[in-house]
Amino acid sequence: SVADLFPQIIWDGTGVPTLYRLFRAADAWVQKKHKARLLWGAPLMRSKVASVEEFFERLREGIDAHGEGRAMWIVGLGKPWDHWTVVDRISGRTVWFFDSWGMKHYRFDSFTLDKTKAGDKKGQKIMIDAHQTFLLRLGGL
Protein backbone atom coordinates (compact mmCIF):
# COMPACT_ATOMS: atom_id res chain seq x y z
CA SER A 1 0.00 0.00 0.00
CA VAL A 2 1.00 3.64 -0.34
CA ALA A 3 1.11 3.90 3.47
CA ASP A 4 3.95 1.36 3.47
CA LEU A 5 6.12 3.89 1.62
CA PHE A 6 6.33 6.23 4.61
CA PRO A 7 8.61 7.51 6.07
CA GLN A 8 11.31 6.19 3.69
CA ILE A 9 9.81 8.02 0.69
CA ILE A 10 10.30 11.34 2.51
CA TRP A 11 14.04 10.77 2.96
CA ASP A 12 14.94 8.77 -0.14
CA GLY A 13 12.54 10.21 -2.69
CA THR A 14 10.57 8.29 -5.26
CA GLY A 15 10.13 7.66 -8.96
CA VAL A 16 7.34 8.07 -11.48
CA PRO A 17 5.53 4.74 -10.82
CA THR A 18 5.25 5.56 -7.12
CA LEU A 19 3.97 9.05 -7.92
CA TYR A 20 1.18 7.44 -9.94
CA ARG A 21 0.27 5.33 -6.90
CA LEU A 22 0.28 8.43 -4.70
CA PHE A 23 -1.93 10.32 -7.17
CA ARG A 24 -4.46 7.46 -7.21
CA ALA A 25 -4.49 7.30 -3.40
CA ALA A 26 -4.88 11.09 -3.15
CA ASP A 27 -7.75 11.02 -5.65
CA ALA A 28 -9.55 8.33 -3.62
CA TRP A 29 -9.11 10.42 -0.47
CA VAL A 30 -10.38 13.61 -2.17
CA GLN A 31 -13.43 11.71 -3.46
CA LYS A 32 -14.23 10.35 -0.01
CA LYS A 33 -13.53 13.47 2.06
CA HIS A 34 -14.42 16.29 -0.32
CA LYS A 35 -16.78 14.78 -2.92
CA ALA A 36 -14.46 15.97 -5.69
CA ARG A 37 -11.71 14.50 -7.87
CA LEU A 38 -7.98 15.01 -8.04
CA LEU A 39 -7.38 14.71 -11.77
CA TRP A 40 -3.84 14.23 -12.99
CA GLY A 41 -1.87 13.59 -16.11
CA ALA A 42 1.51 13.98 -17.77
CA PRO A 43 0.75 16.07 -20.87
CA LEU A 44 4.43 16.82 -21.51
CA MET A 45 5.66 13.23 -21.20
CA ARG A 46 5.80 12.59 -24.94
CA SER A 47 6.19 16.20 -26.04
CA LYS A 48 9.32 17.88 -27.31
CA VAL A 49 9.95 21.07 -25.35
CA ALA A 50 12.37 23.34 -27.20
CA SER A 51 13.18 25.90 -24.50
CA VAL A 52 12.78 26.79 -20.84
CA GLU A 53 10.44 29.59 -21.94
CA GLU A 54 8.22 27.13 -23.85
CA PHE A 55 8.24 24.76 -20.87
CA PHE A 56 7.06 27.41 -18.42
CA GLU A 57 4.54 28.78 -20.92
CA ARG A 58 2.98 25.29 -21.13
CA LEU A 59 2.82 25.19 -17.34
CA ARG A 60 1.29 28.68 -17.23
CA GLU A 61 -1.39 27.63 -19.74
CA GLY A 62 -2.22 24.55 -17.64
CA ILE A 63 -2.64 26.60 -14.48
CA ASP A 64 -4.59 29.41 -16.18
CA ALA A 65 -6.96 27.00 -17.95
CA HIS A 66 -8.38 25.78 -14.64
CA GLY A 67 -8.52 28.95 -12.54
CA GLU A 68 -6.51 30.21 -9.60
CA GLY A 69 -5.98 27.62 -6.89
CA ARG A 70 -7.49 24.78 -8.95
CA ALA A 71 -4.38 23.44 -10.71
CA MET A 72 -0.66 23.02 -10.12
CA TRP A 73 2.27 21.09 -11.54
CA ILE A 74 4.67 18.62 -9.96
CA VAL A 75 8.00 19.13 -11.72
CA GLY A 76 11.02 16.84 -11.68
CA LEU A 77 14.29 18.70 -11.25
CA GLY A 78 17.63 17.13 -12.12
CA LYS A 79 21.12 18.40 -11.28
CA PRO A 80 22.05 19.73 -8.88
CA TRP A 81 19.05 18.75 -6.73
CA ASP A 82 17.31 15.63 -8.09
CA HIS A 83 14.13 16.80 -6.42
CA TRP A 84 10.38 17.00 -7.06
CA THR A 85 8.81 20.41 -6.56
CA VAL A 86 5.40 22.03 -6.99
CA VAL A 87 4.77 24.99 -9.31
CA ASP A 88 1.58 26.78 -8.33
CA ARG A 89 1.98 30.14 -10.08
CA ILE A 90 3.89 31.78 -12.90
CA SER A 91 4.02 35.56 -13.06
CA GLY A 92 5.89 37.20 -15.91
CA ARG A 93 9.19 35.32 -16.12
CA THR A 94 9.11 34.20 -12.47
CA VAL A 95 8.05 30.75 -11.26
CA TRP A 96 6.51 30.39 -7.78
CA PHE A 97 6.89 27.16 -5.82
CA PHE A 98 5.26 25.34 -2.92
CA ASP A 99 8.31 23.35 -1.90
CA SER A 100 9.62 21.24 0.98
CA TRP A 101 13.15 22.62 0.51
CA GLY A 102 11.96 26.19 0.83
CA MET A 103 12.19 27.24 -2.83
CA LYS A 104 9.97 30.32 -3.08
CA HIS A 105 10.45 31.74 -6.57
CA TYR A 106 13.04 31.70 -9.33
CA ARG A 107 13.42 33.45 -12.66
CA PHE A 108 13.16 31.42 -15.86
CA ASP A 109 16.86 31.98 -16.55
CA SER A 110 17.77 29.95 -13.42
CA PHE A 111 16.77 26.77 -15.29
CA THR A 112 17.97 24.71 -18.24
CA LEU A 113 16.87 21.76 -20.37
CA ASP A 114 20.51 21.06 -21.31
CA LYS A 115 22.23 18.50 -19.04
CA THR A 116 25.65 19.97 -19.86
CA LYS A 117 24.62 23.34 -18.36
CA ALA A 118 23.14 21.92 -15.13
CA GLY A 119 24.92 21.69 -11.80
CA ASP A 120 25.92 23.51 -8.65
CA LYS A 121 29.01 25.31 -9.94
CA LYS A 122 29.13 29.02 -10.75
CA GLY A 123 27.18 29.77 -13.93
CA GLN A 124 25.37 26.43 -13.95
CA LYS A 125 21.60 26.13 -13.76
CA ILE A 126 18.86 23.89 -12.38
CA MET A 127 17.95 21.03 -14.74
CA ILE A 128 14.27 20.60 -15.60
CA ASP A 129 13.10 17.10 -16.48
CA ALA A 130 10.19 18.12 -18.71
CA HIS A 131 9.10 14.50 -19.17
CA GLN A 132 8.65 14.07 -15.42
CA THR A 133 6.15 16.88 -15.06
CA PHE A 134 2.57 16.27 -13.93
CA LEU A 135 -0.51 18.49 -14.01
CA LEU A 136 -2.84 18.04 -11.03
CA ARG A 137 -6.19 19.77 -10.92
CA LEU A 138 -9.41 19.78 -8.98
CA GLY A 139 -12.43 18.28 -10.73
CA GLY A 140 -16.02 17.34 -10.02
CA LEU A 141 -17.33 13.84 -9.35
C-alpha atoms as a PDB file:
ATOM      1  CA  SER A   1       0.000   0.000   0.000  1.00  0.00           C
ATOM      2  CA  VAL A   2       1.001   3.635  -0.338  1.00  0.00           C
ATOM      3  CA  ALA A   3       1.110   3.904   3.468  1.00  0.00           C
ATOM      4  CA  ASP A   4       3.946   1.358   3.475  1.00  0.00           C
ATOM      5  CA  LEU A   5       6.121   3.886   1.624  1.00  0.00           C
ATOM      6  CA  PHE A   6       6.331   6.231   4.613  1.00  0.00           C
ATOM      7  CA  PRO A   7       8.608   7.510   6.069  1.00  0.00           C
ATOM      8  CA  GLN A   8      11.306   6.189   3.694  1.00  0.00           C
ATOM      9  CA  ILE A   9       9.808   8.020   0.691  1.00  0.00           C
ATOM     10  CA  ILE A  10      10.304  11.338   2.515  1.00  0.00           C
ATOM     11  CA  TRP A  11      14.041  10.774   2.963  1.00  0.00           C
ATOM     12  CA  ASP A  12      14.944   8.772  -0.136  1.00  0.00           C
ATOM     13  CA  GLY A  13      12.545  10.211  -2.694  1.00  0.00           C
ATOM     14  CA  THR A  14      10.573   8.287  -5.264  1.00  0.00           C
ATOM     15  CA  GLY A  15      10.131   7.663  -8.960  1.00  0.00           C
ATOM     16  CA  VAL A  16       7.339   8.066 -11.483  1.00  0.00           C
ATOM     17  CA  PRO A  17       5.526   4.737 -10.818  1.00  0.00           C
ATOM     18  CA  THR A  18       5.250   5.560  -7.118  1.00  0.00           C
ATOM     19  CA  LEU A  19       3.972   9.049  -7.915  1.00  0.00           C
ATOM     20  CA  TYR A  20       1.179   7.442  -9.942  1.00  0.00           C
ATOM     21  CA  ARG A  21       0.271   5.329  -6.898  1.00  0.00           C
ATOM     22  CA  LEU A  22       0.282   8.428  -4.701  1.00  0.00           C
ATOM     23  CA  PHE A  23      -1.927  10.317  -7.174  1.00  0.00           C
ATOM     24  CA  ARG A  24      -4.464   7.464  -7.206  1.00  0.00           C
ATOM     25  CA  ALA A  25      -4.490   7.305  -3.398  1.00  0.00           C
ATOM     26  CA  ALA A  26      -4.877  11.091  -3.147  1.00  0.00           C
ATOM     27  CA  ASP A  27      -7.755  11.017  -5.655  1.00  0.00           C
ATOM     28  CA  ALA A  28      -9.546   8.331  -3.616  1.00  0.00           C
ATOM     29  CA  TRP A  29      -9.113  10.416  -0.466  1.00  0.00           C
ATOM     30  CA  VAL A  30     -10.378  13.612  -2.168  1.00  0.00           C
ATOM     31  CA  GLN A  31     -13.432  11.715  -3.465  1.00  0.00           C
ATOM     32  CA  LYS A  32     -14.232  10.348  -0.012  1.00  0.00           C
ATOM     33  CA  LYS A  33     -13.528  13.467   2.058  1.00  0.00           C
ATOM     34  CA  HIS A  34     -14.421  16.294  -0.323  1.00  0.00           C
ATOM     35  CA  LYS A  35     -16.783  14.784  -2.919  1.00  0.00           C
ATOM     36  CA  ALA A  36     -14.460  15.966  -5.686  1.00  0.00           C
ATOM     37  CA  ARG A  37     -11.707  14.498  -7.871  1.00  0.00           C
ATOM     38  CA  LEU A  38      -7.978  15.007  -8.039  1.00  0.00           C
ATOM     39  CA  LEU A  39      -7.384  14.713 -11.770  1.00  0.00           C
ATOM     40  CA  TRP A  40      -3.838  14.228 -12.985  1.00  0.00           C
ATOM     41  CA  GLY A  41      -1.872  13.592 -16.110  1.00  0.00           C
ATOM     42  CA  ALA A  42       1.510  13.982 -17.771  1.00  0.00           C
ATOM     43  CA  PRO A  43       0.749  16.072 -20.871  1.00  0.00           C
ATOM     44  CA  LEU A  44       4.433  16.819 -21.506  1.00  0.00           C
ATOM     45  CA  MET A  45       5.659  13.232 -21.198  1.00  0.00           C
ATOM     46  CA  ARG A  46       5.803  12.593 -24.936  1.00  0.00           C
ATOM     47  CA  SER A  47       6.188  16.205 -26.041  1.00  0.00           C
ATOM     48  CA  LYS A  48       9.322  17.883 -27.306  1.00  0.00           C
ATOM     49  CA  VAL A  49       9.946  21.068 -25.350  1.00  0.00           C
ATOM     50  CA  ALA A  50      12.368  23.343 -27.201  1.00  0.00           C
ATOM     51  CA  SER A  51      13.183  25.903 -24.498  1.00  0.00           C
ATOM     52  CA  VAL A  52      12.775  26.791 -20.844  1.00  0.00           C
ATOM     53  CA  GLU A  53      10.439  29.589 -21.940  1.00  0.00           C
ATOM     54  CA  GLU A  54       8.224  27.133 -23.849  1.00  0.00           C
ATOM     55  CA  PHE A  55       8.236  24.758 -20.867  1.00  0.00           C
ATOM     56  CA  PHE A  56       7.065  27.411 -18.424  1.00  0.00           C
ATOM     57  CA  GLU A  57       4.536  28.775 -20.920  1.00  0.00           C
ATOM     58  CA  ARG A  58       2.984  25.290 -21.131  1.00  0.00           C
ATOM     59  CA  LEU A  59       2.823  25.191 -17.336  1.00  0.00           C
ATOM     60  CA  ARG A  60       1.288  28.683 -17.226  1.00  0.00           C
ATOM     61  CA  GLU A  61      -1.389  27.626 -19.739  1.00  0.00           C
ATOM     62  CA  GLY A  62      -2.221  24.551 -17.644  1.00  0.00           C
ATOM     63  CA  ILE A  63      -2.641  26.597 -14.481  1.00  0.00           C
ATOM     64  CA  ASP A  64      -4.588  29.410 -16.178  1.00  0.00           C
ATOM     65  CA  ALA A  65      -6.960  27.003 -17.950  1.00  0.00           C
ATOM     66  CA  HIS A  66      -8.379  25.780 -14.644  1.00  0.00           C
ATOM     67  CA  GLY A  67      -8.520  28.948 -12.544  1.00  0.00           C
ATOM     68  CA  GLU A  68      -6.510  30.207  -9.602  1.00  0.00           C
ATOM     69  CA  GLY A  69      -5.975  27.619  -6.885  1.00  0.00           C
ATOM     70  CA  ARG A  70      -7.489  24.777  -8.948  1.00  0.00           C
ATOM     71  CA  ALA A  71      -4.383  23.444 -10.715  1.00  0.00           C
ATOM     72  CA  MET A  72      -0.660  23.015 -10.122  1.00  0.00           C
ATOM     73  CA  TRP A  73       2.273  21.094 -11.541  1.00  0.00           C
ATOM     74  CA  ILE A  74       4.666  18.619  -9.964  1.00  0.00           C
ATOM     75  CA  VAL A  75       7.999  19.130 -11.719  1.00  0.00           C
ATOM     76  CA  GLY A  76      11.018  16.845 -11.680  1.00  0.00           C
ATOM     77  CA  LEU A  77      14.290  18.701 -11.251  1.00  0.00           C
ATOM     78  CA  GLY A  78      17.634  17.125 -12.117  1.00  0.00           C
ATOM     79  CA  LYS A  79      21.118  18.398 -11.276  1.00  0.00           C
ATOM     80  CA  PRO A  80      22.054  19.729  -8.875  1.00  0.00           C
ATOM     81  CA  TRP A  81      19.052  18.754  -6.732  1.00  0.00           C
ATOM     82  CA  ASP A  82      17.307  15.630  -8.090  1.00  0.00           C
ATOM     83  CA  HIS A  83      14.127  16.800  -6.419  1.00  0.00           C
ATOM     84  CA  TRP A  84      10.379  16.998  -7.064  1.00  0.00           C
ATOM     85  CA  THR A  85       8.807  20.415  -6.555  1.00  0.00           C
ATOM     86  CA  VAL A  86       5.396  22.027  -6.991  1.00  0.00           C
ATOM     87  CA  VAL A  87       4.766  24.985  -9.308  1.00  0.00           C
ATOM     88  CA  ASP A  88       1.582  26.777  -8.331  1.00  0.00           C
ATOM     89  CA  ARG A  89       1.983  30.140 -10.076  1.00  0.00           C
ATOM     90  CA  ILE A  90       3.885  31.782 -12.899  1.00  0.00           C
ATOM     91  CA  SER A  91       4.017  35.559 -13.063  1.00  0.00           C
ATOM     92  CA  GLY A  92       5.885  37.202 -15.912  1.00  0.00           C
ATOM     93  CA  ARG A  93       9.189  35.324 -16.117  1.00  0.00           C
ATOM     94  CA  THR A  94       9.105  34.198 -12.471  1.00  0.00           C
ATOM     95  CA  VAL A  95       8.045  30.747 -11.261  1.00  0.00           C
ATOM     96  CA  TRP A  96       6.505  30.387  -7.783  1.00  0.00           C
ATOM     97  CA  PHE A  97       6.888  27.160  -5.816  1.00  0.00           C
ATOM     98  CA  PHE A  98       5.260  25.342  -2.922  1.00  0.00           C
ATOM     99  CA  ASP A  99       8.313  23.354  -1.901  1.00  0.00           C
ATOM    100  CA  SER A 100       9.616  21.241   0.985  1.00  0.00           C
ATOM    101  CA  TRP A 101      13.145  22.616   0.514  1.00  0.00           C
ATOM    102  CA  GLY A 102      11.958  26.187   0.829  1.00  0.00           C
ATOM    103  CA  MET A 103      12.192  27.240  -2.831  1.00  0.00           C
ATOM    104  CA  LYS A 104       9.967  30.316  -3.083  1.00  0.00           C
ATOM    105  CA  HIS A 105      10.455  31.741  -6.567  1.00  0.00           C
ATOM    106  CA  TYR A 106      13.040  31.698  -9.328  1.00  0.00           C
ATOM    107  CA  ARG A 107      13.418  33.455 -12.656  1.00  0.00           C
ATOM    108  CA  PHE A 108      13.157  31.420 -15.857  1.00  0.00           C
ATOM    109  CA  ASP A 109      16.861  31.982 -16.545  1.00  0.00           C
ATOM    110  CA  SER A 110      17.768  29.948 -13.423  1.00  0.00           C
ATOM    111  CA  PHE A 111      16.769  26.765 -15.289  1.00  0.00           C
ATOM    112  CA  THR A 112      17.972  24.707 -18.237  1.00  0.00           C
ATOM    113  CA  LEU A 113      16.869  21.760 -20.370  1.00  0.00           C
ATOM    114  CA  ASP A 114      20.511  21.055 -21.315  1.00  0.00           C
ATOM    115  CA  LYS A 115      22.230  18.499 -19.042  1.00  0.00           C
ATOM    116  CA  THR A 116      25.655  19.966 -19.860  1.00  0.00           C
ATOM    117  CA  LYS A 117      24.619  23.336 -18.363  1.00  0.00           C
ATOM    118  CA  ALA A 118      23.143  21.919 -15.130  1.00  0.00           C
ATOM    119  CA  GLY A 119      24.915  21.687 -11.797  1.00  0.00           C
ATOM    120  CA  ASP A 120      25.918  23.507  -8.652  1.00  0.00           C
ATOM    121  CA  LYS A 121      29.008  25.308  -9.942  1.00  0.00           C
ATOM    122  CA  LYS A 122      29.134  29.022 -10.746  1.00  0.00           C
ATOM    123  CA  GLY A 123      27.181  29.765 -13.927  1.00  0.00           C
ATOM    124  CA  GLN A 124      25.369  26.427 -13.954  1.00  0.00           C
ATOM    125  CA  LYS A 125      21.601  26.132 -13.762  1.00  0.00           C
ATOM    126  CA  ILE A 126      18.865  23.885 -12.384  1.00  0.00           C
ATOM    127  CA  MET A 127      17.955  21.032 -14.740  1.00  0.00           C
ATOM    128  CA  ILE A 128      14.271  20.596 -15.600  1.00  0.00           C
ATOM    129  CA  ASP A 129      13.099  17.100 -16.484  1.00  0.00           C
ATOM    130  CA  ALA A 130      10.187  18.125 -18.712  1.00  0.00           C
ATOM    131  CA  HIS A 131       9.098  14.503 -19.174  1.00  0.00           C
ATOM    132  CA  GLN A 132       8.654  14.070 -15.418  1.00  0.00           C
ATOM    133  CA  THR A 133       6.147  16.883 -15.058  1.00  0.00           C
ATOM    134  CA  PHE A 134       2.570  16.271 -13.930  1.00  0.00           C
ATOM    135  CA  LEU A 135      -0.513  18.491 -14.005  1.00  0.00           C
ATOM    136  CA  LEU A 136      -2.841  18.045 -11.030  1.00  0.00           C
ATOM    137  CA  ARG A 137      -6.190  19.768 -10.922  1.00  0.00           C
ATOM    138  CA  LEU A 138      -9.415  19.779  -8.985  1.00  0.00           C
ATOM    139  CA  GLY A 139     -12.429  18.280 -10.731  1.00  0.00           C
ATOM    140  CA  GLY A 140     -16.018  17.339 -10.024  1.00  0.00           C
ATOM    141  CA  LEU A 141     -17.328  13.840  -9.350  1.00  0.00           C
END
